[in-house]
Amino acid sequence: MPILKNAKKALRVSERKQVINRQVKTKLKTGVDKVLKSKKVADLPQAFSTIDKAVKKNLIHKNKAARLKARVAKAAK
């Protein structure tokens, strides 16, 4: 356990961010999987939105986002 005051705060912040990041990553994975399994074009905007949000929060790299978008679009074609 941290001893210093700023280390305690850093731990609290880290735990909060961890929860939020986990939620975003889970939404990302479910959104992509939904399109890959259903192969419906109607699900594309939701998947693209979740991918863009993950990039905006620096959870995935922009090149990975582009690769995922291409893979999802190809599957829904």
N, C-alpha and C. Protein backbone atom coordinates (compact mmCIF):
# COMPACT_ATOMS: atom_id res chain seq x y z
N MET A 1 0.84 -1.19 0.00
CA MET A 1 0.00 0.00 0.00
C MET A 1 0.88 1.25 0.00
N PRO A 2 0.41 2.28 -0.69
CA PRO A 2 1.18 3.52 -0.74
C PRO A 2 1.19 4.22 0.62
N ILE A 3 2.28 4.91 0.87
CA ILE A 3 2.44 5.62 2.13
C ILE A 3 2.23 7.12 1.93
N LEU A 4 2.81 7.65 0.87
CA LEU A 4 2.71 9.09 0.62
C LEU A 4 1.31 9.49 0.16
N LYS A 5 0.96 10.73 0.46
CA LYS A 5 -0.36 11.25 0.12
C LYS A 5 -0.61 11.23 -1.38
N ASN A 6 0.38 11.67 -2.16
CA ASN A 6 0.18 11.71 -3.61
C ASN A 6 0.14 10.30 -4.20
N ALA A 7 0.81 9.35 -3.59
CA ALA A 7 0.76 7.97 -4.07
C ALA A 7 -0.61 7.36 -3.79
N LYS A 8 -1.21 7.74 -2.67
CA LYS A 8 -2.56 7.25 -2.36
C LYS A 8 -3.56 7.77 -3.37
N LYS A 9 -3.42 9.07 -3.70
CA LYS A 9 -4.31 9.67 -4.68
C LYS A 9 -4.11 9.02 -6.05
N ALA A 10 -2.87 8.78 -6.43
CA ALA A 10 -2.57 8.15 -7.71
C ALA A 10 -3.21 6.76 -7.79
N LEU A 11 -3.21 6.06 -6.69
CA LEU A 11 -3.83 4.73 -6.64
C LEU A 11 -5.34 4.84 -6.85
N ARG A 12 -5.97 5.82 -6.19
CA ARG A 12 -7.41 6.00 -6.35
C ARG A 12 -7.76 6.35 -7.79
N VAL A 13 -7.00 7.25 -8.38
CA VAL A 13 -7.24 7.67 -9.76
C VAL A 13 -7.05 6.49 -10.70
N SER A 14 -6.01 5.73 -10.46
CA SER A 14 -5.72 4.57 -11.30
C SER A 14 -6.85 3.55 -11.25
N GLU A 15 -7.39 3.32 -10.07
CA GLU A 15 -8.49 2.36 -9.92
C GLU A 15 -9.74 2.85 -10.64
N ARG A 16 -10.03 4.16 -10.55
CA ARG A 16 -11.19 4.73 -11.24
C ARG A 16 -11.05 4.58 -12.76
N LYS A 17 -9.86 4.91 -13.26
CA LYS A 17 -9.62 4.82 -14.70
C LYS A 17 -9.69 3.38 -15.18
N GLN A 18 -9.23 2.46 -14.34
CA GLN A 18 -9.26 1.05 -14.69
C GLN A 18 -10.69 0.56 -14.92
N VAL A 19 -11.59 1.01 -14.07
CA VAL A 19 -13.00 0.61 -14.20
C VAL A 19 -13.59 1.16 -15.49
N ILE A 20 -13.33 2.43 -15.77
CA ILE A 20 -13.87 3.07 -16.97
C ILE A 20 -13.29 2.43 -18.23
N ASN A 21 -11.97 2.20 -18.22
CA ASN A 21 -11.31 1.59 -19.39
C ASN A 21 -11.84 0.18 -19.64
N ARG A 22 -12.09 -0.55 -18.58
CA ARG A 22 -12.62 -1.91 -18.74
C ARG A 22 -14.00 -1.87 -19.39
N GLN A 23 -14.83 -0.91 -18.99
CA GLN A 23 -16.17 -0.78 -19.57
C GLN A 23 -16.09 -0.46 -21.06
N VAL A 24 -15.20 0.46 -21.42
CA VAL A 24 -15.08 0.87 -22.82
C VAL A 24 -14.56 -0.29 -23.67
N LYS A 25 -13.57 -1.02 -23.13
CA LYS A 25 -13.02 -2.15 -23.88
C LYS A 25 -14.05 -3.26 -24.05
N THR A 26 -14.87 -3.47 -23.03
CA THR A 26 -15.91 -4.49 -23.13
C THR A 26 -16.93 -4.11 -24.20
N LYS A 27 -17.35 -2.84 -24.21
CA LYS A 27 -18.28 -2.38 -25.23
C LYS A 27 -17.68 -2.51 -26.62
N LEU A 28 -16.38 -2.22 -26.73
CA LEU A 28 -15.69 -2.33 -28.01
C LEU A 28 -15.73 -3.77 -28.51
N LYS A 29 -15.35 -4.70 -27.65
CA LYS A 29 -15.31 -6.10 -28.06
C LYS A 29 -16.69 -6.64 -28.41
N THR A 30 -17.70 -6.29 -27.61
CA THR A 30 -19.04 -6.79 -27.90
C THR A 30 -19.59 -6.18 -29.19
N GLY A 31 -19.30 -4.91 -29.42
CA GLY A 31 -19.77 -4.25 -30.64
C GLY A 31 -19.17 -4.86 -31.89
N VAL A 32 -17.86 -5.13 -31.84
CA VAL A 32 -17.18 -5.72 -32.99
C VAL A 32 -17.65 -7.16 -33.20
N ASP A 33 -17.75 -7.92 -32.12
CA ASP A 33 -18.19 -9.31 -32.22
C ASP A 33 -19.62 -9.41 -32.76
N LYS A 34 -20.45 -8.46 -32.37
CA LYS A 34 -21.85 -8.46 -32.81
C LYS A 34 -21.92 -8.36 -34.34
N VAL A 35 -21.12 -7.47 -34.90
CA VAL A 35 -21.13 -7.30 -36.36
C VAL A 35 -20.50 -8.51 -37.04
N LEU A 36 -19.41 -9.01 -36.48
CA LEU A 36 -18.73 -10.15 -37.10
C LEU A 36 -19.61 -11.40 -37.11
N LYS A 37 -20.45 -11.55 -36.10
CA LYS A 37 -21.32 -12.73 -36.03
C LYS A 37 -22.61 -12.55 -36.81
N SER A 38 -23.23 -11.38 -36.69
CA SER A 38 -24.52 -11.17 -37.36
C SER A 38 -24.36 -10.79 -38.83
N LYS A 39 -23.23 -10.13 -39.16
CA LYS A 39 -22.94 -9.67 -40.52
C LYS A 39 -24.02 -8.74 -41.07
N LYS A 40 -24.56 -7.89 -40.20
CA LYS A 40 -25.58 -6.93 -40.61
C LYS A 40 -24.97 -5.55 -40.77
N VAL A 41 -25.37 -4.86 -41.83
CA VAL A 41 -24.88 -3.51 -42.07
C VAL A 41 -25.48 -2.53 -41.06
N ALA A 42 -26.63 -2.85 -40.51
CA ALA A 42 -27.29 -1.96 -39.56
C ALA A 42 -26.50 -1.80 -38.26
N ASP A 43 -25.65 -2.77 -37.96
CA ASP A 43 -24.85 -2.71 -36.72
C ASP A 43 -23.54 -1.95 -36.90
N LEU A 44 -23.20 -1.59 -38.12
CA LEU A 44 -21.92 -0.92 -38.39
C LEU A 44 -21.75 0.42 -37.66
N PRO A 45 -22.72 1.33 -37.70
CA PRO A 45 -22.50 2.62 -37.04
C PRO A 45 -22.19 2.49 -35.55
N GLN A 46 -22.84 1.57 -34.88
CA GLN A 46 -22.59 1.37 -33.45
C GLN A 46 -21.17 0.85 -33.23
N ALA A 47 -20.74 -0.07 -34.06
CA ALA A 47 -19.39 -0.62 -33.94
C ALA A 47 -18.34 0.46 -34.22
N PHE A 48 -18.55 1.24 -35.27
CA PHE A 48 -17.62 2.31 -35.60
C PHE A 48 -17.54 3.33 -34.46
N SER A 49 -18.68 3.62 -33.87
CA SER A 49 -18.72 4.58 -32.78
C SER A 49 -17.91 4.09 -31.58
N THR A 50 -18.07 2.83 -31.22
CA THR A 50 -17.33 2.30 -30.07
C THR A 50 -15.84 2.24 -30.36
N ILE A 51 -15.48 1.94 -31.61
CA ILE A 51 -14.05 1.91 -31.98
C ILE A 51 -13.46 3.32 -31.86
N ASP A 52 -14.20 4.31 -32.37
CA ASP A 52 -13.70 5.69 -32.31
C ASP A 52 -13.57 6.19 -30.87
N LYS A 53 -14.50 5.80 -30.02
CA LYS A 53 -14.43 6.21 -28.62
C LYS A 53 -13.23 5.59 -27.92
N ALA A 54 -12.91 4.35 -28.27
CA ALA A 54 -11.74 3.69 -27.67
C ALA A 54 -10.45 4.38 -28.11
N VAL A 55 -10.41 4.84 -29.36
CA VAL A 55 -9.23 5.57 -29.84
C VAL A 55 -9.12 6.91 -29.13
N LYS A 56 -10.25 7.57 -28.98
CA LYS A 56 -10.26 8.89 -28.34
C LYS A 56 -9.75 8.82 -26.91
N LYS A 57 -10.01 7.70 -26.23
CA LYS A 57 -9.56 7.53 -24.85
C LYS A 57 -8.19 6.85 -24.76
N ASN A 58 -7.52 6.70 -25.91
CA ASN A 58 -6.19 6.10 -26.00
C ASN A 58 -6.15 4.67 -25.48
N LEU A 59 -7.23 3.92 -25.68
CA LEU A 59 -7.24 2.52 -25.28
C LEU A 59 -6.70 1.62 -26.39
N ILE A 60 -6.92 2.03 -27.63
CA ILE A 60 -6.33 1.30 -28.76
C ILE A 60 -5.68 2.31 -29.69
N HIS A 61 -4.74 1.84 -30.48
CA HIS A 61 -4.02 2.70 -31.41
C HIS A 61 -4.90 2.98 -32.63
N LYS A 62 -4.67 4.11 -33.27
CA LYS A 62 -5.50 4.49 -34.42
C LYS A 62 -5.35 3.52 -35.57
N ASN A 63 -4.18 2.90 -35.73
CA ASN A 63 -4.00 1.91 -36.79
C ASN A 63 -4.79 0.65 -36.50
N LYS A 64 -4.86 0.26 -35.23
CA LYS A 64 -5.66 -0.90 -34.87
C LYS A 64 -7.13 -0.60 -35.11
N ALA A 65 -7.53 0.64 -34.83
CA ALA A 65 -8.92 1.04 -35.07
C ALA A 65 -9.25 0.95 -36.56
N ALA A 66 -8.33 1.40 -37.40
CA ALA A 66 -8.56 1.34 -38.84
C ALA A 66 -8.65 -0.11 -39.29
N ARG A 67 -7.81 -0.97 -38.73
CA ARG A 67 -7.83 -2.39 -39.09
C ARG A 67 -9.15 -3.03 -38.67
N LEU A 68 -9.62 -2.69 -37.46
CA LEU A 68 -10.89 -3.24 -36.97
C LEU A 68 -12.06 -2.76 -37.83
N LYS A 69 -12.05 -1.48 -38.18
CA LYS A 69 -13.13 -0.94 -39.01
C LYS A 69 -13.17 -1.64 -40.36
N ALA A 70 -11.99 -1.86 -40.94
CA ALA A 70 -11.95 -2.54 -42.24
C ALA A 70 -12.46 -3.97 -42.12
N ARG A 71 -12.06 -4.65 -41.07
CA ARG A 71 -12.48 -6.03 -40.86
C ARG A 71 -14.00 -6.11 -40.66
N VAL A 72 -14.53 -5.19 -39.87
CA VAL A 72 -15.96 -5.17 -39.59
C VAL A 72 -16.75 -4.83 -40.85
N ALA A 73 -16.28 -3.84 -41.61
CA ALA A 73 -16.98 -3.44 -42.83
C ALA A 73 -16.97 -4.57 -43.86
N LYS A 74 -15.84 -5.25 -43.95
CA LYS A 74 -15.74 -6.37 -44.89
C LYS A 74 -16.68 -7.50 -44.50
N ALA A 75 -16.81 -7.75 -43.21
CA ALA A 75 -17.68 -8.83 -42.74
C ALA A 75 -19.15 -8.48 -42.98
N ALA A 76 -19.50 -7.21 -42.87
CA ALA A 76 -20.90 -6.79 -43.02
C ALA A 76 -21.30 -6.62 -44.47
N LYS A 77 -20.34 -6.64 -45.36
CA LYS A 77 -20.60 -6.42 -46.78
C LYS A 77 -21.58 -7.44 -47.34
